[in-house]
């Protein structure tokens, strides 16, 4: 099992010390390092990340403020030089709280916790049914992957259409697409992602999901045929 991770710290020296520990750990894969919360927010829209090593005191947006604006949060290991944030950190469901300077042994203990939580999440998904959590109307909602019919772009939001309801979620299409399992969904238009299992019929212009017609981009038809054949 390998966790994709990023390091967030405005100090280049502190980032380097964490990066060295990551590179020497067999179960961690470093995706990127960021010097600010804003860089991180933008980067998470393009990368699938399991774990963030997060500094708290940063300019413009601190670590807590970054977490407040993230829709789908990876596991968090806070890394800071101060102890007074520890209580608040665990209110954010932090996996662990590392105080600088960090020893290799303490770092490995924190990573072991993250690996265990990741394994529990995978096991839970297998037994209960694969799902994601989304924030809609200020509430966290569990959505089962198999219930999703399609996702539609709505400016700064996306509309998630399921078998029973529809939810409006603050997210980009790209960020939401990264949360979905590979091979089960396809972006068939700049404004639509569809669950391949829900497609009843399609032609050169539209995909039909039940009684609904969803536009199909001309350059996506071949990709759709291949995806359906492999599904």
Protein backbone atom coordinates (compact mmCIF):
# COMPACT_ATOMS: atom_id res chain seq x y z
CA UNK A 1 0.00 0.00 0.00
CA UNK A 2 1.33 3.43 -1.00
CA UNK A 3 -0.04 6.85 -0.05
CA UNK A 4 0.23 9.77 -2.45
CA UNK A 5 1.25 12.79 -0.40
CA UNK A 6 2.13 16.49 -0.60
CA UNK A 7 4.12 18.78 1.69
CA UNK A 8 2.82 22.28 2.49
CA UNK A 9 5.13 24.72 4.27
CA UNK A 10 6.18 28.29 3.49
CA UNK A 11 9.73 27.48 4.64
CA UNK A 12 11.88 25.82 1.97
CA UNK A 13 14.20 24.38 4.64
CA UNK A 14 11.32 22.79 6.55
CA UNK A 15 9.84 21.37 3.33
CA UNK A 16 13.19 19.82 2.48
CA UNK A 17 13.42 18.06 5.85
CA UNK A 18 9.95 16.48 5.37
CA UNK A 19 10.65 15.61 1.73
CA UNK A 20 13.78 13.67 2.77
CA UNK A 21 11.77 11.66 5.30
CA UNK A 22 9.09 10.94 2.69
CA UNK A 23 11.60 9.84 0.07
CA UNK A 24 13.12 7.39 2.56
CA UNK A 25 9.74 5.81 3.40
CA UNK A 26 8.69 2.89 1.19
CA UNK A 27 4.96 3.50 1.64
CA UNK A 28 4.93 7.19 0.63
CA UNK A 29 4.89 8.68 -2.85
CA UNK A 30 5.62 12.42 -3.00
CA UNK A 31 3.33 14.10 -5.54
CA UNK A 32 4.27 17.74 -4.95
CA UNK A 33 5.46 20.32 -2.44
CA UNK A 34 3.82 23.72 -1.98
CA UNK A 35 4.91 26.94 -0.29
CA UNK A 36 1.41 28.33 0.34
CA UNK A 37 -2.16 27.27 1.03
CA UNK A 38 -3.34 28.84 -2.23
CA UNK A 39 -0.84 26.81 -4.26
CA UNK A 40 -2.04 23.72 -2.44
CA UNK A 41 -5.72 24.39 -3.13
CA UNK A 42 -5.00 24.75 -6.85
CA UNK A 43 -2.71 21.70 -6.89
CA UNK A 44 -5.28 19.44 -5.24
CA UNK A 45 -7.60 20.14 -8.19
CA UNK A 46 -5.17 18.32 -10.47
CA UNK A 47 -3.71 15.60 -8.24
CA UNK A 48 -5.29 12.74 -6.31
CA UNK A 49 -3.76 12.99 -2.83
CA UNK A 50 -4.17 10.65 0.15
CA UNK A 51 -2.14 12.56 2.75
CA UNK A 52 -1.01 16.16 3.38
CA UNK A 53 1.89 17.12 5.64
CA UNK A 54 0.60 20.57 6.56
CA UNK A 55 2.24 23.52 8.26
CA UNK A 56 -0.16 25.72 10.24
CA UNK A 57 1.42 29.18 10.33
CA UNK A 58 1.55 30.45 6.74
CA UNK A 59 0.86 33.89 5.20
CA UNK A 60 -2.52 34.81 3.61
CA UNK A 61 -4.20 31.45 4.44
CA UNK A 62 -3.00 29.34 7.36
CA UNK A 63 -3.31 25.56 7.49
CA UNK A 64 -6.69 25.58 9.24
CA UNK A 65 -8.12 28.11 6.78
CA UNK A 66 -6.96 25.91 3.90
CA UNK A 67 -8.87 22.94 5.31
CA UNK A 68 -11.97 25.12 5.70
CA UNK A 69 -12.13 25.67 1.92
CA UNK A 70 -11.39 22.10 0.81
CA UNK A 71 -14.42 20.01 -0.20
CA UNK A 72 -12.82 16.58 -0.05
CA UNK A 73 -10.04 16.47 2.48
CA UNK A 74 -7.22 13.91 2.39
CA UNK A 75 -5.71 12.71 5.66
CA UNK A 76 -3.84 15.48 7.45
CA UNK A 77 -0.64 15.30 9.47
CA UNK A 78 0.05 18.74 10.90
CA UNK A 79 3.69 19.79 11.10
CA UNK A 80 4.41 22.83 13.28
CA UNK A 81 6.92 24.29 15.69
CA UNK A 82 4.30 25.05 18.35
CA UNK A 83 2.16 22.94 20.66
CA UNK A 84 -0.75 25.34 21.24
CA UNK A 85 -2.52 24.30 18.04
CA UNK A 86 -2.74 20.63 18.99
CA UNK A 87 -6.29 20.68 20.38
CA UNK A 88 -7.64 22.62 17.39
CA UNK A 89 -5.80 20.27 15.02
CA UNK A 90 -7.67 17.25 16.31
CA UNK A 91 -10.96 19.11 15.90
CA UNK A 92 -10.05 18.95 12.22
CA UNK A 93 -9.79 15.13 12.44
CA UNK A 94 -6.02 15.24 12.03
CA UNK A 95 -4.33 11.87 11.73
CA UNK A 96 -1.39 13.16 13.79
CA UNK A 97 0.38 16.30 15.00
CA UNK A 98 4.16 16.52 14.59
CA UNK A 99 6.21 19.15 16.37
CA UNK A 100 9.40 20.40 14.72
CA UNK A 101 12.15 19.27 14.74
CA UNK A 102 10.86 15.85 13.73
CA UNK A 103 12.70 12.61 14.38
CA UNK A 104 12.56 9.74 11.93
CA UNK A 105 10.94 7.49 14.56
CA UNK A 106 8.15 10.00 15.31
CA UNK A 107 7.59 10.58 11.61
CA UNK A 108 7.28 6.83 10.95
CA UNK A 109 4.77 6.49 13.79
CA UNK A 110 2.58 9.17 12.21
CA UNK A 111 2.81 7.51 8.80
CA UNK A 112 1.84 4.14 10.33
CA UNK A 113 -1.33 5.79 11.67
CA UNK A 114 -2.11 7.18 8.22
CA UNK A 115 -1.57 3.79 6.57
CA UNK A 116 -3.85 2.11 9.11
CA UNK A 117 -6.61 4.68 8.58
CA UNK A 118 -6.30 4.30 4.80
CA UNK A 119 -6.58 0.51 5.11
CA UNK A 120 -9.65 0.82 7.34
CA UNK A 121 -11.26 3.15 4.79
CA UNK A 122 -10.59 0.68 1.97
CA UNK A 123 -11.94 -2.23 4.00
CA UNK A 124 -15.01 -0.21 4.95
CA UNK A 125 -15.71 0.70 1.34
CA UNK A 126 -15.50 -2.95 0.31
CA UNK A 127 -17.99 -4.10 2.94
CA UNK A 128 -20.48 -1.22 2.83
CA UNK A 129 -20.24 -0.17 -0.80
CA UNK A 130 -17.89 2.35 -2.33
CA UNK A 131 -18.87 5.92 -1.51
CA UNK A 132 -17.68 9.49 -1.22
CA UNK A 133 -18.59 12.34 1.14
CA UNK A 134 -19.72 15.66 -0.32
CA UNK A 135 -20.59 18.96 1.35
CA UNK A 136 -24.00 20.28 0.26
CA UNK A 137 -26.04 22.96 2.07
CA UNK A 138 -23.36 23.09 4.80
CA UNK A 139 -23.82 19.38 5.59
CA UNK A 140 -21.66 16.37 4.85
CA UNK A 141 -23.55 13.83 2.78
CA UNK A 142 -22.54 10.25 2.01
CA UNK A 143 -23.11 9.35 -1.64
CA UNK A 144 -22.73 5.80 -2.90
CA UNK A 145 -20.79 5.59 -6.14
CA UNK A 146 -23.26 3.18 -7.72
CA UNK A 147 -26.13 5.63 -7.09
CA UNK A 148 -24.55 8.46 -9.08
CA UNK A 149 -26.10 8.92 -12.53
CA UNK A 150 -24.23 11.96 -13.77
CA UNK A 151 -22.45 15.14 -12.67
CA UNK A 152 -23.23 18.50 -14.26
CA UNK A 153 -21.16 21.73 -14.18
CA UNK A 154 -22.87 24.77 -12.63
CA UNK A 155 -20.29 27.57 -12.65
CA UNK A 156 -18.30 27.30 -9.39
CA UNK A 157 -20.48 24.34 -8.37
CA UNK A 158 -21.37 20.90 -9.68
CA UNK A 159 -24.76 19.21 -9.56
CA UNK A 160 -24.59 15.59 -8.50
CA UNK A 161 -27.57 13.61 -9.79
CA UNK A 162 -28.27 10.28 -8.06
CA UNK A 163 -31.02 7.69 -8.18
CA UNK A 164 -32.94 9.48 -5.41
CA UNK A 165 -31.98 13.15 -5.46
CA UNK A 166 -29.65 15.86 -6.74
CA UNK A 167 -27.05 17.73 -4.69
CA UNK A 168 -25.25 21.00 -5.43
CA UNK A 169 -21.61 20.89 -4.33
CA UNK A 170 -18.97 23.63 -4.34
CA UNK A 171 -16.31 22.09 -6.59
CA UNK A 172 -14.79 22.22 -10.04
CA UNK A 173 -15.53 19.41 -12.49
CA UNK A 174 -11.84 18.51 -12.56
CA UNK A 175 -11.61 18.22 -8.78
CA UNK A 176 -14.78 16.17 -8.54
CA UNK A 177 -13.68 13.89 -11.37
CA UNK A 178 -10.52 13.11 -9.39
CA UNK A 179 -12.67 11.77 -6.52
CA UNK A 180 -14.41 9.21 -8.74
CA UNK A 181 -13.07 5.68 -9.33
CA UNK A 182 -11.28 5.17 -12.62
CA UNK A 183 -13.09 3.22 -15.31
CA UNK A 184 -16.60 3.80 -13.95
CA UNK A 185 -17.18 7.38 -15.09
CA UNK A 186 -16.37 9.36 -18.23
CA UNK A 187 -16.43 13.07 -18.96
CA UNK A 188 -18.41 13.05 -22.20
CA UNK A 189 -18.78 16.84 -22.48
CA UNK A 190 -17.13 19.87 -20.88
CA UNK A 191 -20.17 20.16 -18.59
CA UNK A 192 -21.05 16.48 -17.98
CA UNK A 193 -19.53 13.39 -16.37
CA UNK A 194 -21.64 10.23 -16.68
CA UNK A 195 -21.72 6.90 -14.86
CA UNK A 196 -21.05 4.35 -17.61
CA UNK A 197 -23.31 1.77 -15.91
CA UNK A 198 -26.27 4.16 -16.16
CA UNK A 199 -26.13 4.68 -19.93
CA UNK A 200 -29.10 3.10 -21.72
CA UNK A 201 -28.48 4.33 -25.27
CA UNK A 202 -26.35 6.83 -27.19
CA UNK A 203 -25.94 8.30 -30.64
CA UNK A 204 -23.51 10.77 -32.18
CA UNK A 205 -25.01 13.71 -30.26
CA UNK A 206 -26.49 12.45 -27.00
CA UNK A 207 -26.26 9.88 -24.25
CA UNK A 208 -29.50 8.66 -22.71
CA UNK A 209 -29.75 7.92 -19.00
CA UNK A 210 -33.30 6.82 -18.39
CA UNK A 211 -35.51 9.54 -19.87
CA UNK A 212 -32.77 12.18 -19.78
CA UNK A 213 -30.59 13.16 -22.73
CA UNK A 214 -27.05 14.35 -21.99
CA UNK A 215 -24.98 16.06 -24.73
CA UNK A 216 -22.04 14.07 -26.11
CA UNK A 217 -19.06 15.97 -27.49
CA UNK A 218 -18.13 14.86 -30.99
CA UNK A 219 -14.52 14.13 -29.99
CA UNK A 220 -15.67 11.95 -27.05
CA UNK A 221 -17.69 9.36 -29.00
CA UNK A 222 -14.76 7.04 -29.72
CA UNK A 223 -13.58 7.28 -26.10
CA UNK A 224 -17.11 6.48 -24.93
CA UNK A 225 -17.32 3.37 -27.12
CA UNK A 226 -13.96 2.14 -25.81
CA UNK A 227 -14.96 2.83 -22.20
CA UNK A 228 -18.25 0.96 -22.56
CA UNK A 229 -16.48 -2.01 -24.17
CA UNK A 230 -14.03 -2.15 -21.28
CA UNK A 231 -16.60 -1.57 -18.56
